[in-house]
Protein backbone atom coordinates (compact mmCIF):
# COMPACT_ATOMS: atom_id res chain seq x y z
CA MET A 1 -11.62 139.50 194.54
CA LEU A 2 -10.59 137.93 191.23
CA ARG A 3 -14.19 137.73 190.09
CA THR A 4 -14.82 141.38 190.93
CA ILE A 5 -11.85 142.65 188.91
CA GLY A 6 -12.52 140.24 186.05
CA PHE A 7 -9.57 137.87 186.51
CA ASP A 8 -11.50 134.76 187.52
CA ARG A 9 -10.71 131.89 185.19
CA GLU A 10 -10.66 128.15 185.67
CA TRP A 11 -7.10 127.34 184.69
CA VAL A 12 -6.67 123.77 183.50
CA ARG A 13 -3.19 123.67 181.96
CA GLY A 14 0.07 125.53 181.53
CA SER A 15 2.38 125.23 178.56
CA GLY A 16 5.53 127.27 177.94
CA PRO A 17 4.61 130.97 178.10
CA ASP A 18 0.83 130.29 178.19
CA LEU A 19 -1.94 129.56 180.63
CA ILE A 20 -4.98 127.69 179.25
CA ASP A 21 -8.48 127.99 180.72
CA ALA A 22 -11.38 125.53 180.84
CA GLU A 23 -12.72 126.86 177.53
CA GLY A 24 -9.43 126.12 175.78
CA GLN A 25 -8.45 129.78 175.50
CA ARG A 26 -4.71 130.50 175.68
CA TYR A 27 -3.54 133.48 177.73
CA LEU A 28 -0.04 134.88 177.30
CA ASP A 29 1.33 134.77 180.83
CA LEU A 30 3.59 137.79 181.29
CA LEU A 31 3.81 137.28 185.06
CA SER A 32 5.25 133.74 185.03
CA GLY A 33 4.01 133.12 188.56
CA PHE A 34 5.81 136.32 189.66
CA GLY A 35 8.95 134.98 188.03
CA VAL A 36 8.73 131.34 189.13
CA PHE A 37 8.15 129.98 185.62
CA ALA A 38 11.14 131.60 183.95
CA LEU A 39 11.65 128.39 181.95
CA GLY A 40 8.00 128.34 180.92
CA ARG A 41 5.33 126.18 182.48
CA ASN A 42 5.87 122.41 182.63
CA ASN A 43 9.36 122.49 181.21
CA PRO A 44 10.07 118.93 179.98
CA ARG A 45 13.77 118.88 180.82
CA VAL A 46 13.13 119.79 184.45
CA ARG A 47 10.31 117.29 184.68
CA ARG A 48 12.62 114.55 183.42
CA GLY A 49 15.20 115.47 186.05
CA ILE A 50 12.63 115.12 188.82
CA GLU A 51 11.31 111.84 187.40
CA GLU A 52 14.85 110.42 187.24
CA ALA A 53 15.48 111.37 190.86
CA MET A 54 12.23 109.71 191.92
CA ALA A 55 13.03 106.57 189.94
CA ALA A 56 16.48 106.40 191.57
CA GLU A 57 14.87 106.25 195.03
CA THR A 58 17.53 108.59 196.41
CA PRO A 59 18.19 108.79 200.17
CA SER A 60 16.67 112.24 200.50
CA LEU A 61 16.87 114.09 203.82
CA PRO A 62 18.69 111.56 205.99
CA ALA A 63 18.13 112.99 209.43
CA MET A 64 21.71 112.30 210.51
CA GLY A 65 23.63 112.76 207.29
CA VAL A 66 23.74 114.38 203.88
CA SER A 67 22.80 113.20 200.40
CA LEU A 68 24.57 113.82 197.11
CA LEU A 69 22.23 115.99 195.00
CA PRO A 70 22.02 119.05 197.30
CA GLY A 71 25.82 119.14 197.45
CA VAL A 72 26.13 119.01 193.67
CA LEU A 73 23.56 121.79 193.29
CA ALA A 74 25.44 123.91 195.85
CA GLU A 75 28.66 123.45 193.84
CA GLU A 76 26.88 124.44 190.61
CA LEU A 77 25.37 127.56 192.16
CA LEU A 78 28.68 128.67 193.65
CA ARG A 79 30.41 128.06 190.32
CA ARG A 80 28.08 130.65 188.77
CA ALA A 81 28.41 133.11 191.65
CA PRO A 82 31.19 135.55 192.62
CA GLU A 83 34.28 133.81 194.01
CA ARG A 84 33.75 135.54 197.33
CA LEU A 85 30.82 133.20 198.03
CA GLY A 86 31.74 129.76 199.30
CA ALA A 87 28.81 128.13 201.08
CA VAL A 88 25.09 127.44 200.63
CA VAL A 89 22.28 127.23 203.18
CA TYR A 90 19.05 125.88 201.69
CA SER A 91 15.48 127.02 202.32
CA ASN A 92 12.07 126.39 200.78
CA SER A 93 11.23 129.88 199.54
CA GLY A 94 12.51 133.40 199.08
CA ALA A 95 10.91 134.58 202.31
CA GLU A 96 12.53 131.72 204.20
CA ALA A 97 15.86 132.63 202.61
CA THR A 98 15.39 136.19 203.88
CA ASP A 99 14.73 134.90 207.39
CA ALA A 100 17.88 132.78 207.17
CA ALA A 101 19.94 135.74 205.97
CA ILE A 102 18.78 137.85 208.93
CA LYS A 103 19.78 135.07 211.33
CA LEU A 104 23.13 134.46 209.67
CA ALA A 105 23.94 138.17 209.61
CA ARG A 106 23.16 138.72 213.27
CA ALA A 107 24.95 135.57 214.42
CA SER A 108 28.08 136.12 212.33
CA THR A 109 28.52 139.81 213.14
CA GLY A 110 27.16 139.96 216.67
CA ARG A 111 25.19 143.04 215.65
CA PRO A 112 21.42 143.51 216.13
CA ARG A 113 20.22 145.80 213.33
CA ILE A 114 19.13 145.17 209.72
CA VAL A 115 18.74 147.99 207.18
CA TYR A 116 16.45 147.59 204.16
CA CYS A 117 14.86 149.82 201.50
CA HIS A 118 11.48 151.47 201.21
CA GLN A 119 9.36 149.56 198.66
CA GLY A 120 11.63 146.53 198.89
CA PHE A 121 9.72 143.26 199.17
CA HIS A 122 11.73 140.24 200.47
CA GLY A 123 8.70 138.12 201.49
CA LEU A 124 5.79 137.85 203.92
CA THR A 125 6.91 135.67 206.83
CA LEU A 126 7.34 137.63 210.04
CA GLY A 127 11.10 137.98 209.61
CA ALA A 128 10.85 138.92 205.93
CA LEU A 129 7.93 141.24 206.67
CA SER A 130 10.16 143.11 209.11
CA VAL A 131 12.35 144.15 206.15
CA ASN A 132 9.46 144.60 203.73
CA GLY A 133 9.27 148.26 202.77
CA ASN A 134 5.57 148.31 201.84
CA PRO A 135 3.14 149.42 204.57
CA GLU A 136 0.14 147.67 202.97
CA PHE A 137 1.76 144.29 203.69
CA ARG A 138 2.93 145.13 207.22
CA GLU A 139 -0.25 146.68 208.60
CA GLY A 140 -1.94 144.60 211.28
CA PHE A 141 0.94 142.16 211.83
CA GLY A 142 3.03 144.05 214.37
CA PRO A 143 5.01 144.17 216.44
CA LEU A 144 7.56 143.00 213.91
CA VAL A 145 11.17 141.93 214.50
CA PRO A 146 12.91 144.85 216.24
CA GLY A 147 16.02 146.56 214.95
CA CYS A 148 14.95 146.74 211.28
CA ASP A 149 15.12 150.21 209.72
CA ALA A 150 14.41 151.50 206.22
CA VAL A 151 16.25 153.88 203.90
CA SER A 152 15.27 155.09 200.47
CA PHE A 153 16.35 152.98 197.49
CA GLY A 154 19.19 154.85 195.80
CA ASP A 155 20.04 157.04 198.81
CA LEU A 156 23.69 156.45 199.70
CA ALA A 157 23.78 159.33 202.17
CA GLY A 158 20.84 157.86 204.06
CA LEU A 159 22.47 154.43 204.08
CA GLU A 160 25.76 155.83 205.37
CA GLN A 161 23.95 157.59 208.18
CA GLU A 162 22.36 154.30 209.29
CA LEU A 163 25.69 152.44 209.15
CA GLN A 164 27.75 154.96 211.12
CA GLY A 165 26.78 153.47 214.47
CA GLU A 166 28.66 150.26 213.55
CA ASP A 167 25.70 148.23 214.84
CA VAL A 168 24.12 147.13 211.54
CA ALA A 169 24.53 143.43 210.80
CA ALA A 170 23.30 143.60 207.20
CA PHE A 171 21.97 145.82 204.49
CA ILE A 172 19.52 143.85 202.32
CA VAL A 173 18.54 145.16 198.90
CA GLU A 174 17.12 143.95 195.60
CA PRO A 175 19.39 144.78 192.64
CA VAL A 176 16.22 145.84 190.81
CA GLN A 177 13.21 146.48 193.00
CA GLY A 178 10.36 144.22 192.02
CA LYS A 179 7.78 146.74 193.19
CA GLY A 180 7.71 149.18 190.29
CA VAL A 181 10.71 147.61 188.56
CA ARG A 182 12.97 150.35 189.89
CA ILE A 183 16.42 150.15 188.31
CA PRO A 184 19.19 151.78 190.38
CA ALA A 185 21.48 154.54 189.19
CA PRO A 186 24.83 153.11 187.99
CA GLY A 187 26.80 154.01 191.11
CA TYR A 188 24.25 153.08 193.76
CA LEU A 189 24.90 149.38 194.35
CA PRO A 190 28.72 149.63 194.09
CA GLY A 191 28.53 152.57 196.49
CA ALA A 192 26.33 150.62 198.91
CA GLN A 193 28.75 147.70 198.79
CA GLU A 194 31.68 149.99 199.59
CA LEU A 195 29.82 151.56 202.53
CA CYS A 196 29.01 148.11 203.92
CA ARG A 197 32.66 147.06 203.68
CA ARG A 198 33.78 150.25 205.39
CA HIS A 199 31.40 149.80 208.32
CA GLY A 200 31.64 146.02 208.76
CA THR A 201 28.09 145.42 207.56
CA LEU A 202 27.15 142.42 205.42
CA PHE A 203 26.01 143.35 201.91
CA VAL A 204 23.02 141.11 201.12
CA LEU A 205 21.54 140.97 197.62
CA ASP A 206 18.02 139.59 197.27
CA GLU A 207 18.08 137.96 193.83
CA VAL A 208 14.92 135.94 194.41
CA GLN A 209 13.23 137.61 191.44
CA THR A 210 16.23 138.93 189.50
CA GLY A 211 18.34 135.74 189.59
CA VAL A 212 18.58 132.74 187.23
CA GLY A 213 18.77 134.81 184.04
CA ARG A 214 15.87 137.19 184.55
CA THR A 215 17.84 140.40 183.85
CA GLY A 216 20.04 139.09 181.05
CA ARG A 217 22.75 137.85 183.42
CA PHE A 218 22.61 134.70 185.51
CA LEU A 219 22.71 136.98 188.56
CA ALA A 220 21.77 140.63 188.26
CA LEU A 221 24.79 141.56 190.38
CA GLU A 222 26.94 140.89 187.28
CA HIS A 223 25.66 144.13 185.71
CA TRP A 224 27.63 146.05 188.36
CA SER A 225 30.45 143.52 189.06
CA LEU A 226 29.33 143.25 192.68
CA GLU A 227 30.94 141.00 195.32
CA PRO A 228 28.28 140.64 198.03
CA ASP A 229 28.56 138.72 201.28
CA VAL A 230 25.20 137.01 200.84
CA VAL A 231 22.92 136.29 197.84
CA LEU A 232 19.34 135.02 198.08
CA LEU A 233 17.82 132.80 195.38
CA SER A 234 14.47 131.09 194.92
CA LYS A 235 11.50 131.42 192.49
CA ALA A 236 12.88 130.23 189.11
CA LEU A 237 15.48 127.91 190.64
CA SER A 238 13.36 124.74 190.35
CA GLY A 239 11.54 125.54 187.11
CA GLY A 240 8.38 126.00 189.16
CA TYR A 241 8.02 122.33 190.10
CA VAL A 242 9.34 122.12 193.67
CA PRO A 243 9.66 124.75 196.42
CA ILE A 244 13.30 125.74 196.80
CA GLY A 245 15.42 128.60 198.11
CA ALA A 246 19.10 129.09 198.70
CA VAL A 247 21.30 131.47 200.66
CA LEU A 248 24.76 131.80 199.11
CA CYS A 249 27.23 133.26 201.58
CA THR A 250 30.92 133.65 202.26
CA ARG A 251 32.75 130.95 204.19
CA ALA A 252 33.47 133.58 206.84
CA VAL A 253 29.75 134.08 207.47
CA PHE A 254 29.00 130.35 207.34
CA ASP A 255 31.87 129.36 209.64
CA ALA A 256 31.04 132.08 212.14
CA VAL A 257 27.50 130.72 212.55
CA PHE A 258 28.13 126.96 212.41
CA ASP A 259 31.29 127.17 214.49
CA SER A 260 30.98 124.26 216.93
CA MET A 261 29.26 120.96 217.64
CA GLU A 262 26.63 122.80 219.65
CA HIS A 263 25.99 125.27 216.82
CA SER A 264 25.95 122.76 213.97
CA VAL A 265 22.14 122.66 213.93
CA VAL A 266 21.29 126.23 214.97
CA HIS A 267 19.55 126.84 211.66
CA GLY A 268 17.66 124.54 209.34
CA SER A 269 14.29 123.71 207.80
CA THR A 270 12.66 120.29 207.62
CA PHE A 271 12.41 119.99 203.83
CA ALA A 272 15.22 122.37 202.82
CA GLY A 273 17.79 120.74 200.58
CA ASN A 274 15.70 117.70 199.73
CA ASP A 275 16.69 115.59 196.72
CA LEU A 276 13.69 116.44 194.52
CA ALA A 277 14.29 120.16 194.94
CA ALA A 278 17.99 119.66 194.23
CA ALA A 279 17.24 117.54 191.15
CA ALA A 280 14.88 120.23 189.90
CA GLY A 281 17.51 122.89 190.54
CA LEU A 282 20.18 120.96 188.65
CA ALA A 283 17.83 120.35 185.72
CA THR A 284 16.93 124.04 185.71
CA LEU A 285 20.58 125.05 185.47
CA ASP A 286 21.05 122.48 182.71
CA GLU A 287 18.14 123.98 180.77
CA VAL A 288 19.36 127.55 181.32
CA ASP A 289 22.75 126.58 179.90
CA GLY A 290 21.53 124.25 177.15
CA ALA A 291 18.94 126.65 175.76
CA ASP A 292 21.22 129.69 176.29
CA LEU A 293 18.40 131.38 178.20
CA VAL A 294 20.57 134.06 179.83
CA ALA A 295 21.64 135.46 176.46
CA ARG A 296 18.07 135.01 175.21
CA SER A 297 16.78 137.07 178.13
CA ALA A 298 19.21 139.89 177.32
CA ARG A 299 18.32 139.85 173.61
CA LEU A 300 14.55 139.65 174.06
CA GLY A 301 14.68 142.29 176.78
CA GLU A 302 16.19 144.70 174.29
CA THR A 303 13.54 143.69 171.74
CA LEU A 304 10.78 144.38 174.26
CA LEU A 305 12.19 147.83 175.01
CA GLU A 306 12.50 148.62 171.28
CA LEU A 307 8.86 147.62 170.78
CA THR A 308 7.47 149.58 173.73
CA ARG A 309 9.63 152.67 174.18
CA PRO A 310 7.90 154.44 171.24
CA LEU A 311 4.71 154.35 173.33
CA SER A 312 6.08 157.27 175.36
CA GLU A 313 6.07 159.34 172.17
CA ARG A 314 2.57 158.29 171.08
CA HIS A 315 0.76 158.50 174.40
CA PRO A 316 0.90 161.58 176.65
CA MET A 317 0.20 159.58 179.80
CA VAL A 318 3.20 157.27 179.37
CA ARG A 319 5.92 158.67 181.60
CA GLU A 320 8.62 156.01 181.15
CA VAL A 321 9.25 152.55 179.74
CA ARG A 322 12.07 150.69 181.49
CA GLY A 323 13.50 147.25 181.90
CA LEU A 324 16.53 145.05 182.40
CA GLY A 325 16.48 141.77 180.53
CA LEU A 326 12.97 140.36 180.76
CA MET A 327 12.03 142.42 183.80
CA TRP A 328 9.96 145.25 182.31
CA ALA A 329 7.61 148.06 183.34
CA ILE A 330 5.71 151.01 181.92
CA GLU A 331 4.89 153.96 184.18
CA PHE A 332 2.00 156.39 183.67
CA GLY A 333 1.55 159.95 184.82
CA PRO A 334 -0.69 162.97 184.22
CA PRO A 335 -0.58 164.55 180.75
CA GLU A 336 0.63 168.09 180.19
CA SER A 337 -2.72 169.48 179.05
CA ARG A 338 -4.78 171.23 181.73
CA ARG A 339 -7.95 169.27 180.92
CA GLY A 340 -6.13 165.96 180.89
CA ARG A 341 -4.44 166.72 184.20
CA ARG A 342 -7.76 167.59 185.83
CA LEU A 343 -9.28 164.31 184.65
CA TRP A 344 -6.24 162.40 185.85
CA GLU A 345 -6.43 163.99 189.28
CA ALA A 346 -10.14 163.22 189.51
CA ILE A 347 -9.50 159.55 188.78
CA GLU A 348 -6.51 159.33 191.13
CA SER A 349 -8.45 160.99 193.96
CA ARG A 350 -10.82 158.00 193.89
CA GLN A 351 -8.05 155.44 194.06
CA PRO A 352 -4.28 155.94 193.59
CA GLY A 353 -2.94 153.74 190.83
CA LEU A 354 -6.34 153.34 189.15
CA PHE A 355 -5.09 154.25 185.68
CA ALA A 356 -2.84 151.18 185.66
CA GLN A 357 -5.96 149.06 186.22
CA PHE A 358 -7.51 150.63 183.09
CA VAL A 359 -4.59 149.01 181.24
CA VAL A 360 -4.17 145.68 183.07
CA GLY A 361 -7.85 144.73 182.95
CA PRO A 362 -8.45 145.14 179.20
CA LEU A 363 -5.13 143.47 178.39
CA PHE A 364 -6.40 140.42 180.21
CA ARG A 365 -10.08 140.39 179.19
CA ARG A 366 -9.83 141.57 175.58
CA HIS A 367 -6.36 140.42 174.56
CA ARG A 368 -5.84 137.44 176.86
CA ILE A 369 -2.53 138.80 178.20
CA LEU A 370 -1.76 138.53 181.92
CA THR A 371 0.16 141.44 183.49
CA GLN A 372 -0.12 143.22 186.83
CA SER A 373 -0.03 146.60 188.47
CA ALA A 374 3.51 146.72 189.85
CA GLY A 375 2.58 147.78 193.37
CA HIS A 376 -0.08 149.21 195.64
CA GLY A 377 -1.07 152.71 194.54
CA MET A 378 1.42 152.64 191.63
CA ASN A 379 0.54 153.64 188.07
CA VAL A 380 3.04 151.10 186.82
CA VAL A 381 2.25 147.98 184.78
CA LYS A 382 4.79 145.19 185.11
CA ALA A 383 5.72 142.18 183.00
CA LEU A 384 7.96 139.21 183.80
CA PRO A 385 7.77 137.08 180.65
CA SER A 386 9.15 133.57 180.70
CA LEU A 387 12.63 133.38 179.20
CA VAL A 388 11.21 131.09 176.50
CA VAL A 389 8.74 133.68 175.23
CA GLY A 390 8.94 134.33 171.49
CA GLU A 391 9.40 137.59 169.63
CA GLU A 392 5.95 137.19 168.09
CA GLU A 393 4.40 137.12 171.58
CA LEU A 394 6.27 140.29 172.51
CA GLU A 395 5.05 141.96 169.32
CA ARG A 396 1.51 140.91 170.17
CA PHE A 397 1.89 142.39 173.65
CA ALA A 398 3.27 145.70 172.35
CA ALA A 399 0.42 146.07 169.83
CA ALA A 400 -2.22 145.25 172.44
CA LEU A 401 -0.62 147.66 174.92
CA ASP A 402 -0.66 150.45 172.33
CA GLU A 403 -4.37 149.92 171.71
CA VAL A 404 -5.34 149.62 175.38
CA ILE A 405 -3.40 152.71 176.47
CA GLY A 406 -5.05 154.73 173.69
CA GLN A 407 -8.47 153.73 174.99
CA ALA A 408 -7.50 154.23 178.64
CA GLU A 409 -6.33 157.79 177.92
CA ARG A 410 -9.93 158.68 177.13
CA LEU A 411 -10.34 158.82 180.89
CA PRO A 412 -14.08 159.44 181.35
CA SER A 413 -15.15 156.59 179.08
CA ALA A 414 -12.40 154.31 180.45
CA ALA A 415 -13.56 155.01 184.00
CA VAL A 416 -17.17 154.31 183.10
CA ARG A 417 -16.25 151.02 181.40
CA PHE A 418 -14.07 149.98 184.31
CA GLY A 419 -16.63 150.91 186.96
CA ALA A 420 -19.50 149.27 185.07
CA GLY A 421 -17.50 146.09 184.65
CA VAL A 422 -16.60 145.93 188.33
CA ALA A 423 -20.21 146.63 189.35
CA ARG A 424 -21.56 143.99 186.97
CA ARG A 425 -19.16 141.34 188.20
CA SER A 426 -19.81 142.31 191.82
CA MET A 427 -23.55 141.93 191.28
CA ARG A 428 -22.99 138.51 189.74
CA ARG A 429 -20.88 137.52 192.72
CA ARG A 430 -23.53 138.66 195.21
CA GLY A 431 -26.20 136.85 193.23
CA ARG A 432 -24.23 133.64 193.35
CA VAL A 433 -23.60 134.06 197.06
CA ARG A 434 -27.33 134.60 197.77
CA SER A 435 -28.30 131.60 195.68
């Protein structure tokens, strides 16, 4: 697949905001491993923290006991979270954190249902997939976990209708949807929180991608002064070195689940809360604070918007440029001219979201900048730069984007170039397979 679309490279090293291939070419990585490498690749401070933990020969994962580092990390996470949250349950990934949240919500409330949003992600394990609002990921894997129902992101009336039966254990939502980088209207999340309180439903915020400084706050919930019952973290929490996830929840939720000797081990995961992951998490928080990366994310996010918002004035197919901190997207749509609209419709009839590929591909091949289409069938290009990216790299991206969009808007020639490139690479692939 990567060879066909022109993204096949032999990556040999990562450094800060860059990926480096076997030919020594540097690529500006504006995906950061889908947000994992928020501190840049191979961050030295985090590496030192892991090396120190290994040298200390810590008593990680005692089967019948606890070790120090996971407890310290839990304290540090809760110190940065809303006061309402008072306990941490560890996992190894964002999807596993979602599974844990579903279990905790059902056990603590005694209710069966979970409500989630269309186009929300939350992961690809069976539990997480059951609250994944994207049909292309769910198809072929059913039947999924029962009792999971979707509402539209931003639709408070639809949410209230689902909650009225008083049988919903939790409403799980991303503060900013990763698919498409959809930023909610100002009153949506506070309104959703109030509805959950009114109906006895847990308000669960999935901050797997938005947390740890990504949006210009340590947690995105700070933009709306939210007080959720549960927060999910993962991705950037270990600097990209060690799998880690964490469910931050209220003591009421925690104590309702782990409420007796018999229930003390009703949830867990073999490697969750191990010392290396905790050491990486603590070093990550130290780097975030020491390098002032949260404020840097807010400042550079504004810079990125200032550099790219003028594109909507220069290019008729740019519908909107949006972002929050260093979570950014540009959306395309048909131009106003009749001829341009006909060409757009002809391209989209072949494959929805194809115009975004006319942008993503040349950015990678000609300018050595890695971005992605923000979702299946979406004409949205997304960027998640590392929080250590420099202004000069953002300027380089904006200039390259301007050039590539201008060429892509010449739809017939762009389509020919794209199709010829795919065909050429496909032929090469078939030739290699036959040989």
